[in-house]
Protein backbone atom coordinates (compact mmCIF):
# COMPACT_ATOMS: atom_id res chain seq x y z
CA UNK A 1 -4.40 -0.24 -7.29
CA UNK A 2 -1.76 -1.22 -9.66
CA UNK A 3 -0.70 -4.14 -7.38
CA UNK A 4 -3.74 -6.15 -8.60
CA UNK A 5 -2.76 -5.86 -11.96
CA UNK A 6 0.58 -7.54 -11.55
CA UNK A 7 -1.17 -10.05 -9.27
CA UNK A 8 -0.76 -9.04 -5.63
CA UNK A 9 -4.27 -10.05 -3.87
CA UNK A 10 -6.27 -7.28 -2.21
CA UNK A 11 -5.01 -9.17 1.46
CA UNK A 12 -1.51 -8.49 0.23
CA UNK A 13 -2.20 -5.13 -0.77
CA UNK A 14 -3.81 -4.09 2.75
CA UNK A 15 -0.64 -5.70 4.41
CA UNK A 16 2.20 -3.55 2.38
CA UNK A 17 2.51 -0.94 5.27
CA UNK A 18 3.28 -4.28 7.41
CA UNK A 19 4.75 -6.63 5.07
CA UNK A 20 6.83 -8.40 7.86
CA UNK A 21 3.40 -9.84 9.14
CA UNK A 22 2.30 -10.93 5.76
CA UNK A 23 3.17 -14.64 5.14
CA UNK A 24 2.77 -14.56 1.53
CA UNK A 25 5.83 -11.93 1.19
CA UNK A 26 9.01 -13.20 0.75
CA UNK A 27 12.52 -11.65 2.14
CA UNK A 28 12.79 -10.52 -1.40
CA UNK A 29 9.24 -8.87 -1.41
CA UNK A 30 10.02 -7.50 2.06
CA UNK A 31 13.41 -5.79 0.77
CA UNK A 32 11.75 -4.26 -2.21
CA UNK A 33 8.68 -3.00 -0.07
CA UNK A 34 11.05 -1.58 2.36
CA UNK A 35 13.28 0.15 -0.52
CA UNK A 36 10.31 1.74 -1.76
CA UNK A 37 9.21 3.03 1.37
CA UNK A 38 12.84 4.66 2.08
CA UNK A 39 13.08 6.13 -1.37
CA UNK A 40 9.55 7.38 -1.20
CA UNK A 41 9.66 9.13 2.26
CA UNK A 42 13.57 10.06 2.47
CA UNK A 43 14.55 10.47 -1.39
CA UNK A 44 17.95 8.67 -0.19
CA UNK A 45 19.29 4.99 0.19
CA UNK A 46 21.72 4.68 2.88
CA UNK A 47 25.16 2.26 2.08
CA UNK A 48 23.45 -0.48 4.25
CA UNK A 49 20.45 -0.78 2.21
CA UNK A 50 22.30 -0.26 -0.96
CA UNK A 51 24.55 -3.29 0.01
CA UNK A 52 21.48 -5.64 0.68
CA UNK A 53 20.05 -4.50 -2.74
CA UNK A 54 23.05 -5.11 -4.48
CA UNK A 55 23.62 -8.80 -2.67
CA UNK A 56 20.20 -9.37 -4.36
CA UNK A 57 20.05 -7.84 -7.70
CA UNK A 58 21.96 -6.91 -10.61
CA UNK A 59 22.90 -3.26 -11.45
CA UNK A 60 20.51 -3.46 -14.38
CA UNK A 61 17.78 -4.62 -12.28
CA UNK A 62 18.47 -2.08 -9.29
CA UNK A 63 18.17 0.51 -11.94
CA UNK A 64 14.79 -1.17 -13.32
CA UNK A 65 13.53 -0.91 -9.53
CA UNK A 66 14.65 2.29 -9.13
CA UNK A 67 12.90 3.63 -12.22
CA UNK A 68 9.78 1.89 -11.36
CA UNK A 69 9.66 3.22 -7.70
CA UNK A 70 10.45 6.66 -9.02
CA UNK A 71 7.62 6.33 -11.86
CA UNK A 72 5.08 5.06 -9.48
CA UNK A 73 6.05 8.21 -7.02
CA UNK A 74 5.77 10.61 -9.83
CA UNK A 75 2.35 9.39 -10.98
CA UNK A 76 1.02 9.30 -7.50
CA UNK A 77 2.00 12.93 -6.62
CA UNK A 78 0.38 13.93 -10.10
CA UNK A 79 -2.52 12.14 -9.07
CA UNK A 80 -2.44 13.61 -5.53
CA UNK A 81 -2.00 17.23 -6.87
CA UNK A 82 -4.82 16.89 -9.41
CA UNK A 83 -7.22 14.55 -7.35
CA UNK A 84 -8.02 12.56 -10.45
CA UNK A 85 -10.46 10.10 -10.65
CA UNK A 86 -10.06 6.53 -11.77
CA UNK A 87 -11.30 6.03 -15.34
CA UNK A 88 -14.10 3.52 -15.93
CA UNK A 89 -11.86 0.67 -16.77
CA UNK A 90 -9.51 0.99 -13.84
CA UNK A 91 -12.26 1.29 -11.44
CA UNK A 92 -13.70 -2.00 -12.59
CA UNK A 93 -10.44 -3.55 -12.53
CA UNK A 94 -9.75 -2.51 -8.84
CA UNK A 95 -13.11 -1.84 -7.40
CA UNK A 96 -12.99 -1.56 -3.66
CA UNK A 97 -9.17 -2.47 -3.18
CA UNK A 98 -7.34 -0.96 -0.86
CA UNK A 99 -4.81 2.01 -0.58
CA UNK A 100 -1.28 1.28 0.20
CA UNK A 101 -0.31 3.79 3.16
CA UNK A 102 2.73 3.88 4.27
CA UNK A 103 3.24 2.91 7.78
CA UNK A 104 3.72 5.49 10.66
CA UNK A 105 7.27 7.22 10.77
CA UNK A 106 9.17 5.66 13.70
């Protein structure tokens, strides 16, 4: 849902679980999405992925990225635990936006 507020389109949000097939995602977008998935699922980033991230982002940018992904996971876990409803303004803003499901594990 937050994606709409930062400029993602509904079709892009629907394809986040299959980013390689979304023409509007570039290599950096795909790298960030892969990082977010790995960190969310495994809570660990291997050396290969870290090297890819470090080649693209400064250390400061990596800290910001890690904090953003971690905060999103925290907020999602809180909402999932307490099954919170969207407030009126958020519901008005996102309407029928699709959820961003993680792709199935290999």
